[in-house]
Amino acid sequence: DCLYDEEIPLDATGAYTVVVSRAADRPRNAVPECGIAWLPMAEDGDGLFDPDVTVVQIRHMLTAPDFEHSVQRVYQQSDLESTMGPYLPKSQYMLPNAVESYFPCLGQSG
């Protein structure tokens, strides 16, 4: 499955949050109305060995040649953070109830 730019809500600073989980584990606030995009992981995980593993890929299809923080300018893993700076995606593992607490949404239903 995938999300495209217009499906991902941005906050006032232009930052975004995407939750990846099985449908059964989807946090109640993982909806655009709460500022969170949701991406379902495959029910069979990686499809080979581990049902609890999934791969998330972020594609950069159009890049500006003069953008100094572009992922295309990363040539070694050790340079990832220094090259991408504030544009480096950050991730963390959270249980559904932690997502609901960490990202409260007053307008959520259910």
PDB file of N, CA and C in Angstrom:
ATOM      1  N   ASP A   1       0.850  -1.177   0.000  1.00  0.00           N
ATOM      2  CA  ASP A   1       0.000   0.000   0.000  1.00  0.00           C
ATOM      3  C   ASP A   1       0.887   1.228   0.000  1.00  0.00           C
ATOM      4  N   CYS A   2       0.293   2.379  -0.204  1.00  0.00           N
ATOM      5  CA  CYS A   2       1.102   3.597  -0.243  1.00  0.00           C
ATOM      6  C   CYS A   2       0.252   4.810   0.112  1.00  0.00           C
ATOM      7  N   LEU A   3       0.951   5.897   0.392  1.00  0.00           N
ATOM      8  CA  LEU A   3       0.344   7.204   0.590  1.00  0.00           C
ATOM      9  C   LEU A   3       1.056   8.167  -0.345  1.00  0.00           C
ATOM     10  N   TYR A   4       0.335   9.073  -0.938  1.00  0.00           N
ATOM     11  CA  TYR A   4       0.980  10.105  -1.737  1.00  0.00           C
ATOM     12  C   TYR A   4       0.857  11.431  -0.991  1.00  0.00           C
ATOM     13  N   ASP A   5       1.612  12.413  -1.428  1.00  0.00           N
ATOM     14  CA  ASP A   5       1.754  13.676  -0.708  1.00  0.00           C
ATOM     15  C   ASP A   5       0.445  14.247  -0.178  1.00  0.00           C
ATOM     16  N   GLU A   6      -0.562  14.330  -1.024  1.00  0.00           N
ATOM     17  CA  GLU A   6      -1.814  14.968  -0.630  1.00  0.00           C
ATOM     18  C   GLU A   6      -2.587  14.178   0.428  1.00  0.00           C
ATOM     19  N   GLU A   7      -2.220  12.938   0.668  1.00  0.00           N
ATOM     20  CA  GLU A   7      -2.895  12.130   1.688  1.00  0.00           C
ATOM     21  C   GLU A   7      -2.262  12.274   3.071  1.00  0.00           C
ATOM     22  N   ILE A   8      -1.176  13.024   3.157  1.00  0.00           N
ATOM     23  CA  ILE A   8      -0.458  13.148   4.419  1.00  0.00           C
ATOM     24  C   ILE A   8      -0.663  14.553   4.973  1.00  0.00           C
ATOM     25  N   PRO A   9      -1.390  14.660   6.099  1.00  0.00           N
ATOM     26  CA  PRO A   9      -1.621  15.985   6.670  1.00  0.00           C
ATOM     27  C   PRO A   9      -0.329  16.562   7.257  1.00  0.00           C
ATOM     28  N   LEU A  10      -0.162  17.867   7.107  1.00  0.00           N
ATOM     29  CA  LEU A  10       0.988  18.567   7.659  1.00  0.00           C
ATOM     30  C   LEU A  10       0.553  19.415   8.845  1.00  0.00           C
ATOM     31  N   ASP A  11       1.449  19.545   9.837  1.00  0.00           N
ATOM     32  CA  ASP A  11       1.137  20.441  10.944  1.00  0.00           C
ATOM     33  C   ASP A  11       1.557  21.863  10.572  1.00  0.00           C
ATOM     34  N   ALA A  12       1.467  22.777  11.511  1.00  0.00           N
ATOM     35  CA  ALA A  12       1.760  24.192  11.239  1.00  0.00           C
ATOM     36  C   ALA A  12       3.208  24.425  10.817  1.00  0.00           C
ATOM     37  N   THR A  13       4.113  23.522  11.177  1.00  0.00           N
ATOM     38  CA  THR A  13       5.524  23.682  10.822  1.00  0.00           C
ATOM     39  C   THR A  13       5.889  22.920   9.552  1.00  0.00           C
ATOM     40  N   GLY A  14       4.917  22.205   8.968  1.00  0.00           N
ATOM     41  CA  GLY A  14       5.185  21.409   7.768  1.00  0.00           C
ATOM     42  C   GLY A  14       5.617  19.990   8.078  1.00  0.00           C
ATOM     43  N   ALA A  15       5.636  19.620   9.347  1.00  0.00           N
ATOM     44  CA  ALA A  15       5.997  18.259   9.745  1.00  0.00           C
ATOM     45  C   ALA A  15       4.789  17.339   9.576  1.00  0.00           C
ATOM     46  N   TYR A  16       5.054  16.041   9.488  1.00  0.00           N
ATOM     47  CA  TYR A  16       3.965  15.082   9.322  1.00  0.00           C
ATOM     48  C   TYR A  16       4.213  13.845  10.172  1.00  0.00           C
ATOM     49  N   THR A  17       3.122  13.121  10.425  1.00  0.00           N
ATOM     50  CA  THR A  17       3.193  11.872  11.183  1.00  0.00           C
ATOM     51  C   THR A  17       2.473  10.801  10.387  1.00  0.00           C
ATOM     52  N   VAL A  18       3.144   9.667  10.201  1.00  0.00           N
ATOM     53  CA  VAL A  18       2.553   8.509   9.535  1.00  0.00           C
ATOM     54  C   VAL A  18       2.653   7.335  10.499  1.00  0.00           C
ATOM     55  N   VAL A  19       1.536   6.683  10.759  1.00  0.00           N
ATOM     56  CA  VAL A  19       1.507   5.485  11.581  1.00  0.00           C
ATOM     57  C   VAL A  19       1.390   4.285  10.652  1.00  0.00           C
ATOM     58  N   VAL A  20       2.235   3.274  10.890  1.00  0.00           N
ATOM     59  CA  VAL A  20       2.196   2.029  10.127  1.00  0.00           C
ATOM     60  C   VAL A  20       1.834   0.923  11.112  1.00  0.00           C
ATOM     61  N   SER A  21       0.744   0.209  10.813  1.00  0.00           N
ATOM     62  CA  SER A  21       0.323  -0.884  11.697  1.00  0.00           C
ATOM     63  C   SER A  21      -0.627  -1.812  10.956  1.00  0.00           C
ATOM     64  N   ARG A  22      -0.897  -2.939  11.566  1.00  0.00           N
ATOM     65  CA  ARG A  22      -1.977  -3.787  11.066  1.00  0.00           C
ATOM     66  C   ARG A  22      -3.294  -3.072  11.336  1.00  0.00           C
ATOM     67  N   ALA A  23      -4.293  -3.389  10.559  1.00  0.00           N
ATOM     68  CA  ALA A  23      -5.603  -2.752  10.736  1.00  0.00           C
ATOM     69  C   ALA A  23      -6.123  -2.949  12.162  1.00  0.00           C
ATOM     70  N   ALA A  24      -5.917  -4.134  12.720  1.00  0.00           N
ATOM     71  CA  ALA A  24      -6.402  -4.423  14.073  1.00  0.00           C
ATOM     72  C   ALA A  24      -5.694  -3.589  15.142  1.00  0.00           C
ATOM     73  N   ASP A  25      -4.501  -3.098  14.841  1.00  0.00           N
ATOM     74  CA  ASP A  25      -3.710  -2.326  15.801  1.00  0.00           C
ATOM     75  C   ASP A  25      -3.723  -0.826  15.516  1.00  0.00           C
ATOM     76  N   ARG A  26      -4.545  -0.412  14.573  1.00  0.00           N
ATOM     77  CA  ARG A  26      -4.580   1.011  14.203  1.00  0.00           C
ATOM     78  C   ARG A  26      -5.049   1.854  15.379  1.00  0.00           C
ATOM     79  N   PRO A  27      -4.251   2.851  15.780  1.00  0.00           N
ATOM     80  CA  PRO A  27      -4.698   3.744  16.853  1.00  0.00           C
ATOM     81  C   PRO A  27      -5.938   4.515  16.410  1.00  0.00           C
ATOM     82  N   ARG A  28      -6.815   4.807  17.337  1.00  0.00           N
ATOM     83  CA  ARG A  28      -8.056   5.511  17.011  1.00  0.00           C
ATOM     84  C   ARG A  28      -7.806   6.893  16.422  1.00  0.00           C
ATOM     85  N   ASN A  29      -6.687   7.508  16.773  1.00  0.00           N
ATOM     86  CA  ASN A  29      -6.400   8.854  16.285  1.00  0.00           C
ATOM     87  C   ASN A  29      -5.566   8.860  15.003  1.00  0.00           C
ATOM     88  N   ALA A  30      -5.301   7.713  14.419  1.00  0.00           N
ATOM     89  CA  ALA A  30      -4.527   7.638  13.168  1.00  0.00           C
ATOM     90  C   ALA A  30      -5.450   7.900  11.987  1.00  0.00           C
ATOM     91  N   VAL A  31      -5.956   9.137  11.941  1.00  0.00           N
ATOM     92  CA  VAL A  31      -6.864   9.599  10.893  1.00  0.00           C
ATOM     93  C   VAL A  31      -6.464  11.023  10.507  1.00  0.00           C
ATOM     94  N   PRO A  32      -6.718  11.422   9.273  1.00  0.00           N
ATOM     95  CA  PRO A  32      -6.330  12.771   8.841  1.00  0.00           C
ATOM     96  C   PRO A  32      -6.910  13.889   9.717  1.00  0.00           C
ATOM     97  N   GLU A  33      -8.112  13.696  10.240  1.00  0.00           N
ATOM     98  CA  GLU A  33      -8.742  14.711  11.085  1.00  0.00           C
ATOM     99  C   GLU A  33      -7.930  14.992  12.345  1.00  0.00           C
ATOM    100  N   CYS A  34      -7.105  14.040  12.737  1.00  0.00           N
ATOM    101  CA  CYS A  34      -6.236  14.212  13.910  1.00  0.00           C
ATOM    102  C   CYS A  34      -4.804  14.536  13.490  1.00  0.00           C
ATOM    103  N   GLY A  35      -4.601  14.767  12.203  1.00  0.00           N
ATOM    104  CA  GLY A  35      -3.278  15.133  11.722  1.00  0.00           C
ATOM    105  C   GLY A  35      -2.328  13.969  11.534  1.00  0.00           C
ATOM    106  N   ILE A  36      -2.869  12.754  11.423  1.00  0.00           N
ATOM    107  CA  ILE A  36      -2.037  11.559  11.298  1.00  0.00           C
ATOM    108  C   ILE A  36      -2.470  10.750  10.081  1.00  0.00           C
ATOM    109  N   ALA A  37      -1.508  10.434   9.232  1.00  0.00           N
ATOM    110  CA  ALA A  37      -1.771   9.530   8.106  1.00  0.00           C
ATOM    111  C   ALA A  37      -1.530   8.105   8.591  1.00  0.00           C
ATOM    112  N   TRP A  38      -2.261   7.160   8.021  1.00  0.00           N
ATOM    113  CA  TRP A  38      -2.113   5.756   8.413  1.00  0.00           C
ATOM    114  C   TRP A  38      -1.817   4.911   7.191  1.00  0.00           C
ATOM    115  N   LEU A  39      -0.885   3.984   7.370  1.00  0.00           N
ATOM    116  CA  LEU A  39      -0.497   3.076   6.300  1.00  0.00           C
ATOM    117  C   LEU A  39      -0.580   1.652   6.849  1.00  0.00           C
ATOM    118  N   PRO A  40      -1.414   0.791   6.232  1.00  0.00           N
ATOM    119  CA  PRO A  40      -1.530  -0.570   6.747  1.00  0.00           C
ATOM    120  C   PRO A  40      -0.313  -1.416   6.379  1.00  0.00           C
ATOM    121  N   MET A  41       0.153  -2.193   7.346  1.00  0.00           N
ATOM    122  CA  MET A  41       1.214  -3.150   7.036  1.00  0.00           C
ATOM    123  C   MET A  41       0.561  -4.449   6.593  1.00  0.00           C
ATOM    124  N   ALA A  42       1.289  -5.220   5.841  1.00  0.00           N
ATOM    125  CA  ALA A  42       0.759  -6.489   5.339  1.00  0.00           C
ATOM    126  C   ALA A  42       0.464  -7.428   6.499  1.00  0.00           C
ATOM    127  N   GLU A  43      -0.638  -8.138   6.400  1.00  0.00           N
ATOM    128  CA  GLU A  43      -1.004  -9.088   7.459  1.00  0.00           C
ATOM    129  C   GLU A  43       0.020 -10.203   7.614  1.00  0.00           C
ATOM    130  N   ASP A  44       0.763 -10.510   6.536  1.00  0.00           N
ATOM    131  CA  ASP A  44       1.782 -11.563   6.627  1.00  0.00           C
ATOM    132  C   ASP A  44       3.184 -10.989   6.837  1.00  0.00           C
ATOM    133  N   GLY A  45       3.273  -9.745   7.300  1.00  0.00           N
ATOM    134  CA  GLY A  45       4.562  -9.140   7.604  1.00  0.00           C
ATOM    135  C   GLY A  45       5.430  -9.000   6.376  1.00  0.00           C
ATOM    136  N   ASP A  46       6.654  -9.533   6.456  1.00  0.00           N
ATOM    137  CA  ASP A  46       7.571  -9.405   5.318  1.00  0.00           C
ATOM    138  C   ASP A  46       7.239 -10.372   4.190  1.00  0.00           C
ATOM    139  N   GLY A  47       6.263 -11.233   4.393  1.00  0.00           N
ATOM    140  CA  GLY A  47       5.835 -12.159   3.345  1.00  0.00           C
ATOM    141  C   GLY A  47       6.718 -13.381   3.196  1.00  0.00           C
ATOM    142  N   LEU A  48       7.777 -13.457   3.966  1.00  0.00           N
ATOM    143  CA  LEU A  48       8.698 -14.583   3.867  1.00  0.00           C
ATOM    144  C   LEU A  48       8.880 -15.317   5.187  1.00  0.00           C
ATOM    145  N   PHE A  49       9.428 -14.595   6.149  1.00  0.00           N
ATOM    146  CA  PHE A  49       9.830 -15.265   7.385  1.00  0.00           C
ATOM    147  C   PHE A  49       9.173 -14.734   8.642  1.00  0.00           C
ATOM    148  N   ASP A  50       8.896 -13.446   8.684  1.00  0.00           N
ATOM    149  CA  ASP A  50       8.463 -12.852   9.945  1.00  0.00           C
ATOM    150  C   ASP A  50       7.169 -12.068   9.766  1.00  0.00           C
ATOM    151  N   PRO A  51       6.090 -12.511  10.386  1.00  0.00           N
ATOM    152  CA  PRO A  51       4.815 -11.811  10.250  1.00  0.00           C
ATOM    153  C   PRO A  51       4.773 -10.467  10.973  1.00  0.00           C
ATOM    154  N   ASP A  52       5.787 -10.187  11.799  1.00  0.00           N
ATOM    155  CA  ASP A  52       5.810  -8.933  12.542  1.00  0.00           C
ATOM    156  C   ASP A  52       6.803  -7.918  11.982  1.00  0.00           C
ATOM    157  N   VAL A  53       7.288  -8.150  10.778  1.00  0.00           N
ATOM    158  CA  VAL A  53       8.239  -7.235  10.148  1.00  0.00           C
ATOM    159  C   VAL A  53       7.599  -6.644   8.903  1.00  0.00           C
ATOM    160  N   THR A  54       7.837  -5.371   8.696  1.00  0.00           N
ATOM    161  CA  THR A  54       7.379  -4.731   7.471  1.00  0.00           C
ATOM    162  C   THR A  54       8.456  -3.771   6.989  1.00  0.00           C
ATOM    163  N   VAL A  55       8.427  -3.446   5.736  1.00  0.00           N
ATOM    164  CA  VAL A  55       9.393  -2.531   5.146  1.00  0.00           C
ATOM    165  C   VAL A  55       8.655  -1.265   4.731  1.00  0.00           C
ATOM    166  N   VAL A  56       9.204  -0.126   5.086  1.00  0.00           N
ATOM    167  CA  VAL A  56       8.634   1.161   4.687  1.00  0.00           C
ATOM    168  C   VAL A  56       9.649   1.842   3.786  1.00  0.00           C
ATOM    169  N   GLN A  57       9.206   2.240   2.622  1.00  0.00           N
ATOM    170  CA  GLN A  57      10.078   2.936   1.677  1.00  0.00           C
ATOM    171  C   GLN A  57       9.522   4.332   1.421  1.00  0.00           C
ATOM    172  N   ILE A  58      10.416   5.301   1.395  1.00  0.00           N
ATOM    173  CA  ILE A  58      10.038   6.672   1.069  1.00  0.00           C
ATOM    174  C   ILE A  58      10.693   6.994  -0.269  1.00  0.00           C
ATOM    175  N   ARG A  59       9.869   7.263  -1.263  1.00  0.00           N
ATOM    176  CA  ARG A  59      10.411   7.558  -2.599  1.00  0.00           C
ATOM    177  C   ARG A  59      10.501   9.057  -2.817  1.00  0.00           C
ATOM    178  N   HIS A  60      11.607   9.474  -3.361  1.00  0.00           N
ATOM    179  CA  HIS A  60      11.808  10.867  -3.764  1.00  0.00           C
ATOM    180  C   HIS A  60      11.893  10.852  -5.280  1.00  0.00           C
ATOM    181  N   MET A  61      10.789  11.131  -5.938  1.00  0.00           N
ATOM    182  CA  MET A  61      10.753  11.002  -7.392  1.00  0.00           C
ATOM    183  C   MET A  61      11.290  12.227  -8.112  1.00  0.00           C
ATOM    184  N   LEU A  62      11.001  13.395  -7.607  1.00  0.00           N
ATOM    185  CA  LEU A  62      11.474  14.621  -8.242  1.00  0.00           C
ATOM    186  C   LEU A  62      12.370  15.343  -7.247  1.00  0.00           C
ATOM    187  N   THR A  63      13.590  15.558  -7.609  1.00  0.00           N
ATOM    188  CA  THR A  63      14.506  16.229  -6.704  1.00  0.00           C
ATOM    189  C   THR A  63      15.055  17.494  -7.345  1.00  0.00           C
ATOM    190  N   ALA A  64      15.281  18.488  -6.531  1.00  0.00           N
ATOM    191  CA  ALA A  64      15.895  19.726  -7.004  1.00  0.00           C
ATOM    192  C   ALA A  64      17.410  19.545  -6.902  1.00  0.00           C
ATOM    193  N   PRO A  65      18.128  19.682  -7.990  1.00  0.00           N
ATOM    194  CA  PRO A  65      19.568  19.440  -7.976  1.00  0.00           C
ATOM    195  C   PRO A  65      20.335  20.293  -6.966  1.00  0.00           C
ATOM    196  N   ASP A  66      19.802  21.465  -6.618  1.00  0.00           N
ATOM    197  CA  ASP A  66      20.514  22.344  -5.695  1.00  0.00           C
ATOM    198  C   ASP A  66      20.059  22.197  -4.239  1.00  0.00           C
ATOM    199  N   PHE A  67      19.186  21.234  -3.931  1.00  0.00           N
ATOM    200  CA  PHE A  67      18.718  21.041  -2.557  1.00  0.00           C
ATOM    201  C   PHE A  67      19.777  20.268  -1.784  1.00  0.00           C
ATOM    202  N   GLU A  68      20.436  20.941  -0.851  1.00  0.00           N
ATOM    203  CA  GLU A  68      21.582  20.359  -0.161  1.00  0.00           C
ATOM    204  C   GLU A  68      21.233  19.239   0.824  1.00  0.00           C
ATOM    205  N   HIS A  69      19.971  19.112   1.223  1.00  0.00           N
ATOM    206  CA  HIS A  69      19.581  18.083   2.188  1.00  0.00           C
ATOM    207  C   HIS A  69      18.938  16.862   1.524  1.00  0.00           C
ATOM    208  N   SER A  70      19.049  16.746   0.236  1.00  0.00           N
ATOM    209  CA  SER A  70      18.429  15.657  -0.518  1.00  0.00           C
ATOM    210  C   SER A  70      19.027  14.300  -0.159  1.00  0.00           C
ATOM    211  N   VAL A  71      18.163  13.285  -0.103  1.00  0.00           N
ATOM    212  CA  VAL A  71      18.643  11.932   0.156  1.00  0.00           C
ATOM    213  C   VAL A  71      19.569  11.465  -0.970  1.00  0.00           C
ATOM    214  N   GLN A  72      19.401  12.031  -2.145  1.00  0.00           N
ATOM    215  CA  GLN A  72      20.272  11.662  -3.263  1.00  0.00           C
ATOM    216  C   GLN A  72      21.716  12.129  -3.044  1.00  0.00           C
ATOM    217  N   ARG A  73      21.953  12.995  -2.081  1.00  0.00           N
ATOM    218  CA  ARG A  73      23.308  13.458  -1.770  1.00  0.00           C
ATOM    219  C   ARG A  73      23.980  12.596  -0.699  1.00  0.00           C
ATOM    220  N   VAL A  74      23.281  11.590  -0.210  1.00  0.00           N
ATOM    221  CA  VAL A  74      23.850  10.687   0.802  1.00  0.00           C
ATOM    222  C   VAL A  74      24.556   9.548   0.076  1.00  0.00           C
ATOM    223  N   TYR A  75      25.862   9.480   0.241  1.00  0.00           N
ATOM    224  CA  TYR A  75      26.645   8.448  -0.433  1.00  0.00           C
ATOM    225  C   TYR A  75      27.124   7.365   0.521  1.00  0.00           C
ATOM    226  N   GLN A  76      27.107   7.663   1.821  1.00  0.00           N
ATOM    227  CA  GLN A  76      27.491   6.688   2.835  1.00  0.00           C
ATOM    228  C   GLN A  76      26.501   6.776   3.985  1.00  0.00           C
ATOM    229  N   GLN A  77      26.168   5.657   4.564  1.00  0.00           N
ATOM    230  CA  GLN A  77      25.217   5.617   5.676  1.00  0.00           C
ATOM    231  C   GLN A  77      25.641   6.564   6.800  1.00  0.00           C
ATOM    232  N   SER A  78      26.934   6.663   7.037  1.00  0.00           N
ATOM    233  CA  SER A  78      27.429   7.518   8.124  1.00  0.00           C
ATOM    234  C   SER A  78      27.159   9.000   7.866  1.00  0.00           C
ATOM    235  N   ASP A  79      26.860   9.379   6.628  1.00  0.00           N
ATOM    236  CA  ASP A  79      26.587  10.777   6.300  1.00  0.00           C
ATOM    237  C   ASP A  79      25.099  11.113   6.255  1.00  0.00           C
ATOM    238  N   LEU A  80      24.269  10.156   6.553  1.00  0.00           N
ATOM    239  CA  LEU A  80      22.823  10.345   6.436  1.00  0.00           C
ATOM    240  C   LEU A  80      22.325  11.532   7.262  1.00  0.00           C
ATOM    241  N   GLU A  81      22.624  11.539   8.542  1.00  0.00           N
ATOM    242  CA  GLU A  81      22.116  12.590   9.422  1.00  0.00           C
ATOM    243  C   GLU A  81      22.724  13.955   9.102  1.00  0.00           C
ATOM    244  N   SER A  82      24.016  14.011   8.841  1.00  0.00           N
ATOM    245  CA  SER A  82      24.646  15.305   8.567  1.00  0.00           C
ATOM    246  C   SER A  82      24.199  15.869   7.218  1.00  0.00           C
ATOM    247  N   THR A  83      23.903  15.017   6.251  1.00  0.00           N
ATOM    248  CA  THR A  83      23.472  15.491   4.938  1.00  0.00           C
ATOM    249  C   THR A  83      22.005  15.917   4.948  1.00  0.00           C
ATOM    250  N   MET A  84      21.141  15.082   5.484  1.00  0.00           N
ATOM    251  CA  MET A  84      19.706  15.375   5.424  1.00  0.00           C
ATOM    252  C   MET A  84      19.252  16.355   6.498  1.00  0.00           C
ATOM    253  N   GLY A  85      19.994  16.446   7.591  1.00  0.00           N
ATOM    254  CA  GLY A  85      19.667  17.395   8.652  1.00  0.00           C
ATOM    255  C   GLY A  85      18.229  17.284   9.109  1.00  0.00           C
ATOM    256  N   PRO A  86      17.491  18.402   9.128  1.00  0.00           N
ATOM    257  CA  PRO A  86      16.111  18.381   9.630  1.00  0.00           C
ATOM    258  C   PRO A  86      15.137  17.635   8.704  1.00  0.00           C
ATOM    259  N   TYR A  87      15.585  17.234   7.524  1.00  0.00           N
ATOM    260  CA  TYR A  87      14.728  16.518   6.572  1.00  0.00           C
ATOM    261  C   TYR A  87      14.831  15.006   6.707  1.00  0.00           C
ATOM    262  N   LEU A  88      15.672  14.545   7.607  1.00  0.00           N
ATOM    263  CA  LEU A  88      15.815  13.106   7.828  1.00  0.00           C
ATOM    264  C   LEU A  88      14.576  12.587   8.560  1.00  0.00           C
ATOM    265  N   PRO A  89      13.854  11.642   7.978  1.00  0.00           N
ATOM    266  CA  PRO A  89      12.687  11.092   8.685  1.00  0.00           C
ATOM    267  C   PRO A  89      13.111  10.419   9.988  1.00  0.00           C
ATOM    268  N   LYS A  90      12.278  10.563  10.991  1.00  0.00           N
ATOM    269  CA  LYS A  90      12.536   9.950  12.294  1.00  0.00           C
ATOM    270  C   LYS A  90      11.444   8.924  12.549  1.00  0.00           C
ATOM    271  N   SER A  91      11.802   7.844  13.201  1.00  0.00           N
ATOM    272  CA  SER A  91      10.809   6.809  13.483  1.00  0.00           C
ATOM    273  C   SER A  91      10.939   6.338  14.918  1.00  0.00           C
ATOM    274  N   GLN A  92       9.853   5.781  15.403  1.00  0.00           N
ATOM    275  CA  GLN A  92       9.853   5.166  16.721  1.00  0.00           C
ATOM    276  C   GLN A  92       8.744   4.134  16.787  1.00  0.00           C
ATOM    277  N   TYR A  93       8.962   3.124  17.622  1.00  0.00           N
ATOM    278  CA  TYR A  93       7.981   2.069  17.825  1.00  0.00           C
ATOM    279  C   TYR A  93       7.109   2.466  19.001  1.00  0.00           C
ATOM    280  N   MET A  94       5.795   2.407  18.804  1.00  0.00           N
ATOM    281  CA  MET A  94       4.858   2.745  19.871  1.00  0.00           C
ATOM    282  C   MET A  94       3.671   1.788  19.817  1.00  0.00           C
ATOM    283  N   LEU A  95       3.155   1.437  20.975  1.00  0.00           N
ATOM    284  CA  LEU A  95       1.908   0.681  21.045  1.00  0.00           C
ATOM    285  C   LEU A  95       0.756   1.622  20.688  1.00  0.00           C
ATOM    286  N   PRO A  96      -0.373   1.071  20.234  1.00  0.00           N
ATOM    287  CA  PRO A  96      -1.500   1.934  19.842  1.00  0.00           C
ATOM    288  C   PRO A  96      -1.917   2.930  20.924  1.00  0.00           C
ATOM    289  N   ASN A  97      -1.987   2.498  22.177  1.00  0.00           N
ATOM    290  CA  ASN A  97      -2.410   3.416  23.237  1.00  0.00           C
ATOM    291  C   ASN A  97      -1.380   4.519  23.478  1.00  0.00           C
ATOM    292  N   ALA A  98      -0.104   4.243  23.208  1.00  0.00           N
ATOM    293  CA  ALA A  98       0.926   5.278  23.342  1.00  0.00           C
ATOM    294  C   ALA A  98       0.776   6.326  22.243  1.00  0.00           C
ATOM    295  N   VAL A  99       0.442   5.889  21.029  1.00  0.00           N
ATOM    296  CA  VAL A  99       0.196   6.840  19.935  1.00  0.00           C
ATOM    297  C   VAL A  99      -0.978   7.735  20.308  1.00  0.00           C
ATOM    298  N   GLU A 100      -2.026   7.147  20.846  1.00  0.00           N
ATOM    299  CA  GLU A 100      -3.214   7.917  21.216  1.00  0.00           C
ATOM    300  C   GLU A 100      -2.908   8.917  22.322  1.00  0.00           C
ATOM    301  N   SER A 101      -2.002   8.581  23.237  1.00  0.00           N
ATOM    302  CA  SER A 101      -1.624   9.496  24.317  1.00  0.00           C
ATOM    303  C   SER A 101      -0.640  10.558  23.853  1.00  0.00           C
ATOM    304  N   TYR A 102       0.322  10.164  23.040  1.00  0.00           N
ATOM    305  CA  TYR A 102       1.384  11.061  22.587  1.00  0.00           C
ATOM    306  C   TYR A 102       0.871  12.094  21.585  1.00  0.00           C
ATOM    307  N   PHE A 103      -0.118  11.703  20.781  1.00  0.00           N
ATOM    308  CA  PHE A 103      -0.717  12.588  19.788  1.00  0.00           C
ATOM    309  C   PHE A 103      -2.200  12.758  20.087  1.00  0.00           C
ATOM    310  N   PRO A 104      -2.538  13.474  21.157  1.00  0.00           N
ATOM    311  CA  PRO A 104      -3.965  13.606  21.494  1.00  0.00           C
ATOM    312  C   PRO A 104      -4.734  14.350  20.402  1.00  0.00           C
ATOM    313  N   CYS A 105      -5.976  13.951  20.218  1.00  0.00           N
ATOM    314  CA  CYS A 105      -6.829  14.578  19.215  1.00  0.00           C
ATOM    315  C   CYS A 105      -8.186  14.832  19.836  1.00  0.00           C
ATOM    316  N   LEU A 106      -8.497  16.088  20.033  1.00  0.00           N
ATOM    317  CA  LEU A 106      -9.766  16.435  20.663  1.00  0.00           C
ATOM    318  C   LEU A 106     -10.945  16.210  19.750  1.00  0.00           C
ATOM    319  N   GLY A 107     -10.716  16.191  18.442  1.00  0.00           N
ATOM    320  CA  GLY A 107     -11.804  16.051  17.484  1.00  0.00           C
ATOM    321  C   GLY A 107     -12.067  14.620  17.056  1.00  0.00           C
ATOM    322  N   GLN A 108     -11.361  13.659  17.643  1.00  0.00           N
ATOM    323  CA  GLN A 108     -11.541  12.266  17.192  1.00  0.00           C
ATOM    324  C   GLN A 108     -12.859  11.707  17.687  1.00  0.00           C
ATOM    325  N   SER A 109     -13.358  10.762  16.909  1.00  0.00           N
ATOM    326  CA  SER A 109     -14.573  10.068  17.313  1.00  0.00           C
ATOM    327  C   SER A 109     -14.242   8.615  17.560  1.00  0.00           C
ATOM    328  N   GLY A 110     -15.074   7.938  18.344  1.00  0.00           N
ATOM    329  CA  GLY A 110     -14.867   6.518  18.596  1.00  0.00           C
ATOM    330  C   GLY A 110     -14.044   6.329  19.756  1.00  0.00           C
TER     331      GLY A 110
END
